[in-house]
Protein backbone atom coordinates (compact mmCIF):
# COMPACT_ATOMS: atom_id res chain seq x y z
CA MET A 1 -88.01 136.14 -49.03
CA SER A 2 -91.60 135.94 -47.91
CA ASN A 3 -91.45 132.50 -46.29
CA LEU A 4 -89.40 131.90 -43.13
CA ASP A 5 -89.06 128.17 -43.81
CA ASP A 6 -87.57 128.97 -47.23
CA LEU A 7 -85.20 131.49 -45.65
CA HIS A 8 -84.01 128.90 -43.13
CA ARG A 9 -83.46 126.38 -45.94
CA MET A 10 -81.52 129.02 -47.89
CA ARG A 11 -79.34 129.74 -44.84
CA ASP A 12 -78.73 126.05 -44.19
CA ALA A 13 -77.85 125.40 -47.85
CA ALA A 14 -75.50 128.39 -47.95
CA GLY A 15 -73.89 127.29 -44.70
CA ALA A 16 -73.38 123.76 -46.00
CA ALA A 17 -71.97 124.96 -49.31
CA PHE A 18 -69.83 127.90 -48.18
CA GLY A 19 -69.58 127.81 -44.38
CA HIS A 20 -70.09 131.56 -44.15
CA LEU A 21 -71.28 134.60 -46.07
CA GLY A 22 -69.25 137.71 -46.76
CA ILE A 23 -72.04 139.54 -48.56
CA LEU A 24 -75.81 139.29 -48.43
CA PHE A 25 -77.91 141.04 -51.06
CA ALA A 26 -81.53 141.23 -49.92
CA ASN A 27 -83.60 142.18 -52.94
CA ALA A 28 -87.27 141.98 -51.99
CA ALA A 29 -89.74 143.59 -54.29
CA TRP A 30 -93.41 143.44 -54.91
CA PRO A 31 -93.69 146.44 -57.19
CA SER A 32 -97.22 147.63 -57.34
CA GLN A 33 -98.77 150.72 -58.75
CA THR A 34 -101.51 151.34 -56.23
CA PRO A 35 -103.53 154.54 -56.46
CA LEU A 36 -104.19 155.84 -52.97
CA GLU A 37 -107.95 155.64 -53.31
CA LYS A 38 -107.90 152.13 -54.76
CA CYS A 39 -105.26 150.40 -52.64
CA ASN A 40 -106.94 147.62 -50.71
CA GLU A 41 -105.79 145.83 -47.59
CA ALA A 42 -104.69 142.69 -49.45
CA THR A 43 -102.40 144.67 -51.76
CA CYS A 44 -100.99 146.69 -48.87
CA ASP A 45 -100.38 143.53 -46.83
CA ARG A 46 -98.65 141.82 -49.77
CA ILE A 47 -96.28 144.75 -50.37
CA ILE A 48 -95.42 145.09 -46.68
CA HIS A 49 -95.08 141.33 -46.19
CA ILE A 50 -92.61 140.89 -49.03
CA ASN A 51 -90.76 144.20 -49.11
CA VAL A 52 -90.53 144.95 -45.38
CA LYS A 53 -90.79 141.66 -43.53
CA GLY A 54 -88.98 139.76 -46.28
CA THR A 55 -86.04 142.15 -46.23
CA PHE A 56 -85.81 142.14 -42.43
CA PHE A 57 -86.07 138.38 -41.98
CA THR A 58 -83.65 137.67 -44.83
CA ALA A 59 -81.00 139.73 -43.05
CA GLN A 60 -81.85 138.27 -39.64
CA THR A 61 -81.79 134.68 -40.89
CA ALA A 62 -78.43 135.12 -42.60
CA LEU A 63 -76.71 136.78 -39.61
CA PRO A 64 -75.36 133.55 -38.09
CA LEU A 65 -73.43 132.95 -41.31
CA MET A 66 -72.12 136.49 -41.74
CA ARG A 67 -68.43 136.82 -41.21
CA GLU A 68 -66.90 139.76 -39.49
CA VAL A 69 -66.29 142.67 -41.85
CA GLY A 70 -69.19 141.46 -43.98
CA SER A 71 -71.73 143.50 -45.83
CA ILE A 72 -75.51 143.34 -45.98
CA ILE A 73 -77.05 145.18 -48.92
CA LEU A 74 -80.72 145.96 -48.49
CA ASN A 75 -82.00 146.82 -51.92
CA THR A 76 -84.26 149.82 -52.00
CA SER A 77 -85.04 152.08 -54.92
CA TRP A 78 -85.28 155.72 -55.76
CA LEU A 79 -88.79 155.49 -54.31
CA ASN A 80 -87.43 155.53 -50.76
CA GLN A 81 -86.52 159.20 -51.17
CA VAL A 82 -88.94 160.76 -53.62
CA SER A 83 -92.64 161.07 -54.10
CA ALA A 84 -94.21 159.12 -56.93
CA PRO A 85 -97.91 159.01 -57.69
CA GLU A 86 -99.64 155.70 -57.05
CA ARG A 87 -96.75 154.29 -55.05
CA ALA A 88 -97.41 155.30 -51.44
CA VAL A 89 -97.14 151.80 -49.95
CA LEU A 90 -94.26 150.74 -52.21
CA SER A 91 -92.32 153.91 -51.33
CA ALA A 92 -92.94 153.36 -47.62
CA SER A 93 -91.74 149.76 -47.89
CA LYS A 94 -88.51 150.85 -49.55
CA ALA A 95 -88.01 153.59 -46.93
CA ALA A 96 -88.35 150.86 -44.29
CA ALA A 97 -85.43 148.98 -45.86
CA ARG A 98 -83.35 152.16 -45.72
CA SER A 99 -84.30 152.57 -42.07
CA PHE A 100 -83.33 148.95 -41.34
CA ALA A 101 -79.88 149.62 -42.79
CA HIS A 102 -79.34 152.60 -40.49
CA THR A 103 -80.47 150.75 -37.37
CA MET A 104 -78.65 147.53 -38.25
CA SER A 105 -75.45 149.53 -38.77
CA ALA A 106 -75.44 150.57 -35.14
CA GLU A 107 -76.37 147.13 -33.86
CA LEU A 108 -73.86 145.23 -36.00
CA LEU A 109 -70.98 147.66 -35.50
CA PRO A 110 -69.24 145.42 -32.92
CA ARG A 111 -69.18 142.60 -35.51
CA ARG A 112 -67.98 145.03 -38.20
CA ILE A 113 -70.83 144.02 -40.48
CA ARG A 114 -71.94 146.99 -42.49
CA PRO A 115 -75.50 147.14 -43.73
CA THR A 116 -76.14 149.54 -46.57
CA TRP A 117 -78.93 150.45 -48.93
């Protein structure tokens, strides 16, 4: 989920094999226990790159194959709603996936594709 070329190959392979998708399950995760005072830029970038950008671009890349009345499941975790020590960036990345689902719901309503988290 962290490489656009891989996502395009996945979409092309799925299209060739199935023609369309009824369900997409985007399950990006770079789980990292990162104490606030010790989280460095590289760790933060890695978590955001995989969990946020990976989730978004997986859904975007698959959209041409999604059939009407399809479903996109953006996997989050309990961390998108609660506070957990040493997981500030991870929690924020999972909250972003939840936010994507809400926004995508409005945008994809005409196609009757329902994103959920």
